[in-house]
Amino acid sequence: MVARPGVSTSIRVDDDGFGAALERMLRVVPTLQPVMEEMGGVLEASAQQRFEDEEGPDGTPWPRLAASTRARRGDDARILRDRGHLVQSITSKATRLAVAVGSNKAQARIHQLGGKAGRGLKVEIPARPYLGISDEDRAAIGEVLNAKLSEVVG
């Protein structure tokens, strides 16, 4: 995980029903880091796709840009894509038993969670979540685990 300001998300495999598969793998291999790295890649790609789709992990469309932003950037301006720094900053960090996905950009947190920003905190930024685990992500992670389990045990 990154130490600078930003935001991240993590998977608790026991919460997603993957714990049993990982425990079986740990009986055969000394580390799950390669599996966690692959899962991180899945989640990175998914988070980056949300910038294209302009919707959160649950499929909810992001709030439109403010009228003042559309006036400055044009009506067809992409949400959270002014310079592309945020989407390009999404990375994952895997360890033996965990994976975290996030951004080290200072603006990452405010865009993920929403809140007050700007001089005097006078501007309300709506939440536009890009990190999180969708049903499609769970299915893709399940496929990664099944494939790796088949390699190791099979």
N, C-alpha and C. Protein backbone atom coordinates (compact mmCIF):
# COMPACT_ATOMS: atom_id res chain seq x y z
N MET A 1 0.85 -1.17 0.00
CA MET A 1 0.00 0.00 0.00
C MET A 1 0.90 1.23 0.00
N VAL A 2 0.40 2.31 -0.59
CA VAL A 2 1.17 3.53 -0.69
C VAL A 2 1.11 4.32 0.60
N ALA A 3 2.18 5.03 0.92
CA ALA A 3 2.26 5.76 2.18
C ALA A 3 1.79 7.20 2.03
N ARG A 4 1.79 7.74 0.82
CA ARG A 4 1.39 9.12 0.60
C ARG A 4 -0.14 9.25 0.62
N PRO A 5 -0.64 10.49 0.66
CA PRO A 5 -2.10 10.68 0.66
C PRO A 5 -2.72 9.99 -0.53
N GLY A 6 -3.86 9.44 -0.34
CA GLY A 6 -4.57 8.76 -1.42
C GLY A 6 -5.69 7.92 -0.86
N VAL A 7 -6.01 6.87 -1.55
CA VAL A 7 -7.09 5.99 -1.15
C VAL A 7 -6.80 4.60 -1.69
N SER A 8 -7.27 3.58 -1.00
CA SER A 8 -7.09 2.22 -1.48
C SER A 8 -8.26 1.37 -1.07
N THR A 9 -8.35 0.21 -1.66
CA THR A 9 -9.34 -0.77 -1.28
C THR A 9 -8.64 -2.09 -1.13
N SER A 10 -9.19 -2.96 -0.34
CA SER A 10 -8.56 -4.27 -0.17
C SER A 10 -9.64 -5.33 -0.13
N ILE A 11 -9.23 -6.54 -0.39
CA ILE A 11 -10.14 -7.68 -0.35
C ILE A 11 -9.88 -8.45 0.93
N ARG A 12 -10.92 -8.76 1.62
CA ARG A 12 -10.84 -9.71 2.73
C ARG A 12 -11.40 -10.99 2.15
N VAL A 13 -10.51 -11.91 1.82
CA VAL A 13 -10.95 -13.09 1.10
C VAL A 13 -11.99 -13.89 1.88
N ASP A 14 -11.93 -13.84 3.20
CA ASP A 14 -12.93 -14.59 3.96
C ASP A 14 -14.31 -13.97 3.79
N ASP A 15 -14.38 -12.68 3.46
CA ASP A 15 -15.67 -12.03 3.25
C ASP A 15 -16.25 -12.36 1.88
N ASP A 16 -15.43 -12.73 0.93
CA ASP A 16 -15.90 -12.99 -0.42
C ASP A 16 -16.02 -14.47 -0.73
N GLY A 17 -15.87 -15.33 0.26
CA GLY A 17 -16.03 -16.76 0.03
C GLY A 17 -14.83 -17.43 -0.61
N PHE A 18 -13.70 -16.75 -0.68
CA PHE A 18 -12.52 -17.32 -1.31
C PHE A 18 -11.54 -17.92 -0.31
N GLY A 19 -11.81 -17.78 0.96
CA GLY A 19 -10.89 -18.23 2.00
C GLY A 19 -10.55 -19.71 1.92
N ALA A 20 -11.55 -20.56 1.67
CA ALA A 20 -11.30 -22.01 1.62
C ALA A 20 -10.35 -22.37 0.48
N ALA A 21 -10.55 -21.75 -0.68
CA ALA A 21 -9.67 -22.04 -1.82
C ALA A 21 -8.24 -21.60 -1.52
N LEU A 22 -8.09 -20.44 -0.90
CA LEU A 22 -6.75 -19.96 -0.57
C LEU A 22 -6.08 -20.85 0.48
N GLU A 23 -6.85 -21.29 1.45
CA GLU A 23 -6.28 -22.20 2.46
C GLU A 23 -5.81 -23.51 1.83
N ARG A 24 -6.56 -24.03 0.87
CA ARG A 24 -6.13 -25.25 0.17
C ARG A 24 -4.82 -25.01 -0.58
N MET A 25 -4.71 -23.85 -1.22
CA MET A 25 -3.49 -23.53 -1.96
C MET A 25 -2.30 -23.40 -1.02
N LEU A 26 -2.52 -22.77 0.13
CA LEU A 26 -1.42 -22.57 1.09
C LEU A 26 -0.86 -23.88 1.62
N ARG A 27 -1.64 -24.94 1.57
CA ARG A 27 -1.13 -26.26 2.00
C ARG A 27 -0.11 -26.80 1.02
N VAL A 28 -0.15 -26.30 -0.22
CA VAL A 28 0.71 -26.82 -1.28
C VAL A 28 1.84 -25.87 -1.66
N VAL A 29 1.60 -24.57 -1.58
CA VAL A 29 2.60 -23.58 -1.99
C VAL A 29 2.98 -22.71 -0.79
N PRO A 30 4.20 -22.20 -0.76
CA PRO A 30 4.65 -21.41 0.39
C PRO A 30 4.09 -19.98 0.42
N THR A 31 3.67 -19.45 -0.73
CA THR A 31 3.20 -18.07 -0.78
C THR A 31 2.08 -17.93 -1.81
N LEU A 32 1.19 -17.03 -1.54
CA LEU A 32 0.11 -16.73 -2.48
C LEU A 32 0.36 -15.43 -3.23
N GLN A 33 1.57 -14.89 -3.11
CA GLN A 33 1.85 -13.61 -3.74
C GLN A 33 1.57 -13.60 -5.24
N PRO A 34 1.95 -14.63 -6.01
CA PRO A 34 1.61 -14.58 -7.44
C PRO A 34 0.10 -14.54 -7.68
N VAL A 35 -0.67 -15.22 -6.87
CA VAL A 35 -2.13 -15.19 -6.99
C VAL A 35 -2.64 -13.80 -6.63
N MET A 36 -2.11 -13.24 -5.56
CA MET A 36 -2.53 -11.91 -5.14
C MET A 36 -2.16 -10.87 -6.19
N GLU A 37 -0.99 -11.02 -6.83
CA GLU A 37 -0.60 -10.10 -7.89
C GLU A 37 -1.57 -10.17 -9.06
N GLU A 38 -1.98 -11.38 -9.42
CA GLU A 38 -2.93 -11.53 -10.52
C GLU A 38 -4.30 -10.93 -10.14
N MET A 39 -4.72 -11.16 -8.91
CA MET A 39 -5.97 -10.57 -8.45
C MET A 39 -5.86 -9.04 -8.46
N GLY A 40 -4.72 -8.51 -8.06
CA GLY A 40 -4.49 -7.06 -8.10
C GLY A 40 -4.60 -6.52 -9.51
N GLY A 41 -4.06 -7.26 -10.48
CA GLY A 41 -4.17 -6.85 -11.88
C GLY A 41 -5.61 -6.79 -12.35
N VAL A 42 -6.40 -7.76 -11.93
CA VAL A 42 -7.83 -7.77 -12.26
C VAL A 42 -8.51 -6.53 -11.70
N LEU A 43 -8.22 -6.22 -10.44
CA LEU A 43 -8.86 -5.07 -9.78
C LEU A 43 -8.36 -3.73 -10.32
N GLU A 44 -7.09 -3.66 -10.69
CA GLU A 44 -6.56 -2.44 -11.31
C GLU A 44 -7.29 -2.17 -12.62
N ALA A 45 -7.36 -3.19 -13.47
CA ALA A 45 -8.02 -3.04 -14.77
C ALA A 45 -9.48 -2.65 -14.60
N SER A 46 -10.14 -3.23 -13.63
CA SER A 46 -11.54 -2.92 -13.38
C SER A 46 -11.71 -1.47 -12.93
N ALA A 47 -10.85 -1.02 -12.03
CA ALA A 47 -10.91 0.38 -11.57
C ALA A 47 -10.66 1.33 -12.73
N GLN A 48 -9.69 1.01 -13.57
CA GLN A 48 -9.39 1.87 -14.71
C GLN A 48 -10.56 1.90 -15.70
N GLN A 49 -11.24 0.78 -15.88
CA GLN A 49 -12.40 0.73 -16.77
C GLN A 49 -13.53 1.63 -16.27
N ARG A 50 -13.62 1.78 -14.97
CA ARG A 50 -14.68 2.63 -14.40
C ARG A 50 -14.53 4.09 -14.86
N PHE A 51 -13.30 4.52 -15.15
CA PHE A 51 -13.10 5.88 -15.66
C PHE A 51 -13.67 5.99 -17.07
N GLU A 52 -13.58 4.92 -17.83
CA GLU A 52 -14.18 4.92 -19.17
C GLU A 52 -15.70 4.88 -19.08
N ASP A 53 -16.21 4.02 -18.20
CA ASP A 53 -17.66 3.82 -18.06
C ASP A 53 -18.32 4.93 -17.25
N GLU A 54 -17.52 5.66 -16.47
CA GLU A 54 -18.00 6.72 -15.59
C GLU A 54 -19.10 6.21 -14.65
N GLU A 55 -18.77 5.08 -14.00
CA GLU A 55 -19.71 4.51 -13.03
C GLU A 55 -18.95 3.80 -11.93
N GLY A 56 -19.60 3.66 -10.78
CA GLY A 56 -18.98 3.02 -9.62
C GLY A 56 -19.02 1.51 -9.72
N PRO A 57 -18.40 0.85 -8.75
CA PRO A 57 -18.35 -0.62 -8.75
C PRO A 57 -19.73 -1.28 -8.76
N ASP A 58 -20.73 -0.58 -8.23
CA ASP A 58 -22.08 -1.14 -8.19
C ASP A 58 -22.88 -0.81 -9.45
N GLY A 59 -22.23 -0.15 -10.43
CA GLY A 59 -22.90 0.19 -11.68
C GLY A 59 -23.63 1.53 -11.67
N THR A 60 -23.59 2.24 -10.55
CA THR A 60 -24.26 3.54 -10.46
C THR A 60 -23.45 4.59 -11.22
N PRO A 61 -24.11 5.30 -12.16
CA PRO A 61 -23.38 6.34 -12.90
C PRO A 61 -22.86 7.43 -11.96
N TRP A 62 -21.69 7.94 -12.27
CA TRP A 62 -21.13 9.05 -11.50
C TRP A 62 -21.97 10.31 -11.72
N PRO A 63 -22.03 11.17 -10.70
CA PRO A 63 -22.71 12.46 -10.89
C PRO A 63 -22.03 13.25 -12.01
N ARG A 64 -22.82 13.98 -12.76
CA ARG A 64 -22.30 14.81 -13.85
C ARG A 64 -21.36 15.87 -13.31
N LEU A 65 -20.54 16.38 -14.18
CA LEU A 65 -19.67 17.50 -13.82
C LEU A 65 -20.51 18.73 -13.51
N ALA A 66 -20.01 19.57 -12.63
CA ALA A 66 -20.70 20.82 -12.30
C ALA A 66 -20.78 21.70 -13.54
N ALA A 67 -21.78 22.54 -13.58
CA ALA A 67 -21.96 23.45 -14.72
C ALA A 67 -20.73 24.31 -14.94
N SER A 68 -20.09 24.75 -13.84
CA SER A 68 -18.90 25.59 -13.97
C SER A 68 -17.75 24.81 -14.62
N THR A 69 -17.65 23.53 -14.30
CA THR A 69 -16.60 22.70 -14.91
C THR A 69 -16.90 22.45 -16.38
N ARG A 70 -18.16 22.17 -16.70
CA ARG A 70 -18.54 21.96 -18.11
C ARG A 70 -18.32 23.23 -18.92
N ALA A 71 -18.57 24.40 -18.32
CA ALA A 71 -18.35 25.67 -19.03
C ALA A 71 -16.88 25.86 -19.35
N ARG A 72 -16.02 25.44 -18.42
CA ARG A 72 -14.58 25.61 -18.60
C ARG A 72 -13.99 24.56 -19.54
N ARG A 73 -14.48 23.32 -19.44
CA ARG A 73 -13.88 22.20 -20.19
C ARG A 73 -14.71 21.72 -21.38
N GLY A 74 -15.93 22.19 -21.48
CA GLY A 74 -16.82 21.77 -22.57
C GLY A 74 -17.83 20.74 -22.09
N ASP A 75 -18.96 20.70 -22.76
CA ASP A 75 -20.05 19.80 -22.36
C ASP A 75 -19.70 18.33 -22.53
N ASP A 76 -18.75 18.03 -23.39
CA ASP A 76 -18.38 16.62 -23.62
C ASP A 76 -17.17 16.19 -22.78
N ALA A 77 -16.79 17.00 -21.80
CA ALA A 77 -15.63 16.68 -20.95
C ALA A 77 -15.89 15.39 -20.19
N ARG A 78 -14.85 14.57 -20.10
CA ARG A 78 -14.94 13.30 -19.39
C ARG A 78 -14.77 13.53 -17.89
N ILE A 79 -15.53 12.80 -17.10
CA ILE A 79 -15.48 12.93 -15.64
C ILE A 79 -14.18 12.29 -15.13
N LEU A 80 -13.47 13.01 -14.27
CA LEU A 80 -12.21 12.57 -13.64
C LEU A 80 -11.12 12.24 -14.67
N ARG A 81 -11.20 12.81 -15.87
CA ARG A 81 -10.22 12.51 -16.90
C ARG A 81 -9.58 13.75 -17.48
N ASP A 82 -9.54 14.85 -16.74
CA ASP A 82 -9.00 16.10 -17.25
C ASP A 82 -7.60 15.90 -17.82
N ARG A 83 -6.70 15.38 -17.02
CA ARG A 83 -5.33 15.13 -17.49
C ARG A 83 -4.99 13.63 -17.47
N GLY A 84 -5.80 12.83 -16.84
CA GLY A 84 -5.56 11.39 -16.81
C GLY A 84 -4.62 10.93 -15.70
N HIS A 85 -4.21 11.84 -14.82
CA HIS A 85 -3.25 11.47 -13.78
C HIS A 85 -3.83 10.48 -12.78
N LEU A 86 -5.10 10.67 -12.41
CA LEU A 86 -5.69 9.79 -11.40
C LEU A 86 -5.82 8.37 -11.92
N VAL A 87 -6.38 8.19 -13.09
CA VAL A 87 -6.55 6.84 -13.63
C VAL A 87 -5.19 6.16 -13.85
N GLN A 88 -4.19 6.94 -14.25
CA GLN A 88 -2.86 6.37 -14.48
C GLN A 88 -2.14 6.02 -13.18
N SER A 89 -2.62 6.57 -12.07
CA SER A 89 -1.95 6.33 -10.79
C SER A 89 -2.44 5.06 -10.08
N ILE A 90 -3.46 4.41 -10.59
CA ILE A 90 -4.01 3.23 -9.91
C ILE A 90 -3.02 2.08 -10.01
N THR A 91 -2.65 1.55 -8.86
CA THR A 91 -1.71 0.44 -8.80
C THR A 91 -2.16 -0.56 -7.74
N SER A 92 -1.52 -1.71 -7.77
CA SER A 92 -1.80 -2.70 -6.73
C SER A 92 -0.49 -3.11 -6.08
N LYS A 93 -0.60 -3.55 -4.87
CA LYS A 93 0.55 -4.03 -4.09
C LYS A 93 0.13 -5.36 -3.47
N ALA A 94 0.85 -6.40 -3.83
CA ALA A 94 0.54 -7.73 -3.32
C ALA A 94 1.60 -8.19 -2.34
N THR A 95 1.15 -8.90 -1.34
CA THR A 95 2.04 -9.57 -0.40
C THR A 95 1.69 -11.05 -0.41
N ARG A 96 2.28 -11.78 0.48
CA ARG A 96 2.06 -13.23 0.56
C ARG A 96 0.59 -13.59 0.76
N LEU A 97 -0.14 -12.75 1.50
CA LEU A 97 -1.51 -13.09 1.85
C LEU A 97 -2.54 -12.00 1.57
N ALA A 98 -2.14 -10.92 0.91
CA ALA A 98 -3.07 -9.81 0.70
C ALA A 98 -2.75 -9.05 -0.57
N VAL A 99 -3.74 -8.29 -1.03
CA VAL A 99 -3.54 -7.37 -2.14
C VAL A 99 -4.33 -6.11 -1.84
N ALA A 100 -3.73 -4.97 -2.15
CA ALA A 100 -4.40 -3.67 -2.00
C ALA A 100 -4.31 -2.95 -3.33
N VAL A 101 -5.35 -2.25 -3.67
CA VAL A 101 -5.40 -1.49 -4.92
C VAL A 101 -5.75 -0.05 -4.55
N GLY A 102 -5.02 0.90 -5.12
CA GLY A 102 -5.30 2.28 -4.78
C GLY A 102 -4.50 3.25 -5.61
N SER A 103 -4.49 4.49 -5.15
CA SER A 103 -3.78 5.58 -5.80
C SER A 103 -3.05 6.39 -4.74
N ASN A 104 -1.91 6.93 -5.10
CA ASN A 104 -1.17 7.79 -4.18
C ASN A 104 -1.42 9.27 -4.48
N LYS A 105 -2.32 9.57 -5.37
CA LYS A 105 -2.62 10.96 -5.70
C LYS A 105 -3.42 11.61 -4.58
N ALA A 106 -3.09 12.87 -4.29
CA ALA A 106 -3.77 13.59 -3.21
C ALA A 106 -5.27 13.72 -3.47
N GLN A 107 -5.67 13.83 -4.72
CA GLN A 107 -7.09 14.00 -5.04
C GLN A 107 -7.86 12.68 -5.06
N ALA A 108 -7.19 11.56 -4.89
CA ALA A 108 -7.85 10.26 -4.98
C ALA A 108 -8.97 10.10 -3.96
N ARG A 109 -8.69 10.46 -2.73
CA ARG A 109 -9.67 10.28 -1.66
C ARG A 109 -10.93 11.11 -1.87
N ILE A 110 -10.78 12.38 -2.22
CA ILE A 110 -11.94 13.24 -2.37
C ILE A 110 -12.83 12.77 -3.52
N HIS A 111 -12.24 12.27 -4.58
CA HIS A 111 -13.05 11.80 -5.71
C HIS A 111 -13.72 10.46 -5.39
N GLN A 112 -13.07 9.61 -4.64
CA GLN A 112 -13.65 8.32 -4.25
C GLN A 112 -14.80 8.51 -3.26
N LEU A 113 -14.58 9.35 -2.26
CA LEU A 113 -15.53 9.46 -1.15
C LEU A 113 -16.42 10.70 -1.19
N GLY A 114 -15.97 11.74 -1.93
CA GLY A 114 -16.69 13.00 -1.95
C GLY A 114 -16.37 13.82 -0.71
N GLY A 115 -16.79 15.07 -0.72
CA GLY A 115 -16.58 15.95 0.43
C GLY A 115 -16.28 17.37 0.00
N LYS A 116 -15.93 18.18 0.98
CA LYS A 116 -15.63 19.60 0.74
C LYS A 116 -14.19 19.76 0.28
N ALA A 117 -13.98 20.66 -0.66
CA ALA A 117 -12.63 20.90 -1.19
C ALA A 117 -12.50 22.36 -1.60
N GLY A 118 -11.33 22.73 -2.07
CA GLY A 118 -11.09 24.08 -2.55
C GLY A 118 -10.75 25.04 -1.42
N ARG A 119 -10.51 26.27 -1.80
CA ARG A 119 -10.18 27.31 -0.81
C ARG A 119 -11.34 27.49 0.14
N GLY A 120 -11.05 27.36 1.41
CA GLY A 120 -12.08 27.50 2.42
C GLY A 120 -13.07 26.36 2.45
N LEU A 121 -12.76 25.29 1.75
CA LEU A 121 -13.63 24.12 1.68
C LEU A 121 -15.05 24.51 1.28
N LYS A 122 -15.15 25.36 0.27
CA LYS A 122 -16.45 25.87 -0.17
C LYS A 122 -17.06 25.06 -1.30
N VAL A 123 -16.30 24.17 -1.87
CA VAL A 123 -16.80 23.39 -3.02
C VAL A 123 -17.15 21.99 -2.54
N GLU A 124 -18.33 21.53 -2.89
CA GLU A 124 -18.76 20.16 -2.55
C GLU A 124 -18.47 19.26 -3.75
N ILE A 125 -17.56 18.30 -3.56
CA ILE A 125 -17.22 17.34 -4.60
C ILE A 125 -18.06 16.08 -4.35
N PRO A 126 -18.85 15.66 -5.34
CA PRO A 126 -19.63 14.43 -5.12
C PRO A 126 -18.73 13.19 -5.18
N ALA A 127 -19.13 12.17 -4.47
CA ALA A 127 -18.39 10.90 -4.54
C ALA A 127 -18.55 10.30 -5.92
N ARG A 128 -17.43 9.87 -6.47
CA ARG A 128 -17.40 9.16 -7.74
C ARG A 128 -16.51 7.94 -7.54
N PRO A 129 -17.03 6.92 -6.88
CA PRO A 129 -16.20 5.77 -6.53
C PRO A 129 -15.69 5.01 -7.76
N TYR A 130 -14.42 4.76 -7.76
CA TYR A 130 -13.78 3.98 -8.82
C TYR A 130 -13.11 2.75 -8.25
N LEU A 131 -12.82 2.76 -6.96
CA LEU A 131 -12.26 1.59 -6.29
C LEU A 131 -13.39 0.81 -5.63
N GLY A 132 -13.25 -0.48 -5.60
CA GLY A 132 -14.26 -1.34 -5.01
C GLY A 132 -14.32 -2.63 -5.78
N ILE A 133 -15.15 -3.52 -5.32
CA ILE A 133 -15.22 -4.85 -5.94
C ILE A 133 -16.64 -5.08 -6.42
N SER A 134 -16.78 -5.20 -7.72
CA SER A 134 -18.09 -5.44 -8.32
C SER A 134 -18.37 -6.94 -8.38
N ASP A 135 -19.58 -7.28 -8.75
CA ASP A 135 -19.91 -8.70 -8.93
C ASP A 135 -19.04 -9.32 -10.02
N GLU A 136 -18.76 -8.55 -11.07
CA GLU A 136 -17.90 -9.04 -12.15
C GLU A 136 -16.47 -9.28 -11.63
N ASP A 137 -16.01 -8.39 -10.75
CA ASP A 137 -14.68 -8.56 -10.15
C ASP A 137 -14.63 -9.85 -9.33
N ARG A 138 -15.67 -10.09 -8.55
CA ARG A 138 -15.73 -11.32 -7.73
C ARG A 138 -15.65 -12.56 -8.63
N ALA A 139 -16.39 -12.52 -9.73
CA ALA A 139 -16.36 -13.65 -10.66
C ALA A 139 -14.97 -13.83 -11.26
N ALA A 140 -14.33 -12.72 -11.66
CA ALA A 140 -12.99 -12.80 -12.24
C ALA A 140 -11.97 -13.30 -11.22
N ILE A 141 -12.09 -12.85 -9.98
CA ILE A 141 -11.20 -13.32 -8.93
C ILE A 141 -11.42 -14.81 -8.69
N GLY A 142 -12.67 -15.24 -8.71
CA GLY A 142 -12.98 -16.66 -8.58
C GLY A 142 -12.34 -17.48 -9.68
N GLU A 143 -12.35 -16.95 -10.90
CA GLU A 143 -11.71 -17.64 -12.03
C GLU A 143 -10.20 -17.74 -11.82
N VAL A 144 -9.58 -16.65 -11.35
CA VAL A 144 -8.14 -16.67 -11.06
C VAL A 144 -7.84 -17.74 -10.03
N LEU A 145 -8.63 -17.76 -8.96
CA LEU A 145 -8.39 -18.74 -7.89
C LEU A 145 -8.60 -20.17 -8.38
N ASN A 146 -9.64 -20.39 -9.15
CA ASN A 146 -9.88 -21.74 -9.67
C ASN A 146 -8.75 -22.21 -10.58
N ALA A 147 -8.30 -21.31 -11.44
CA ALA A 147 -7.20 -21.66 -12.35
C ALA A 147 -5.93 -21.98 -11.58
N LYS A 148 -5.59 -21.15 -10.61
CA LYS A 148 -4.38 -21.37 -9.81
C LYS A 148 -4.51 -22.62 -8.97
N LEU A 149 -5.68 -22.86 -8.42
CA LEU A 149 -5.90 -24.06 -7.60
C LEU A 149 -5.76 -25.30 -8.47
N SER A 150 -6.26 -25.25 -9.68
CA SER A 150 -6.12 -26.39 -10.60
C SER A 150 -4.65 -26.64 -10.94
N GLU A 151 -3.89 -25.57 -11.14
CA GLU A 151 -2.44 -25.70 -11.42
C GLU A 151 -1.73 -26.37 -10.26
N VAL A 152 -2.03 -25.93 -9.06
CA VAL A 152 -1.29 -26.36 -7.88
C VAL A 152 -1.73 -27.74 -7.40
N VAL A 153 -3.04 -27.96 -7.37
CA VAL A 153 -3.54 -29.21 -6.81
C VAL A 153 -3.78 -30.24 -7.89
N GLY A 154 -4.17 -29.78 -9.06
CA GLY A 154 -4.67 -30.59 -10.11
C GLY A 154 -3.82 -31.59 -10.73
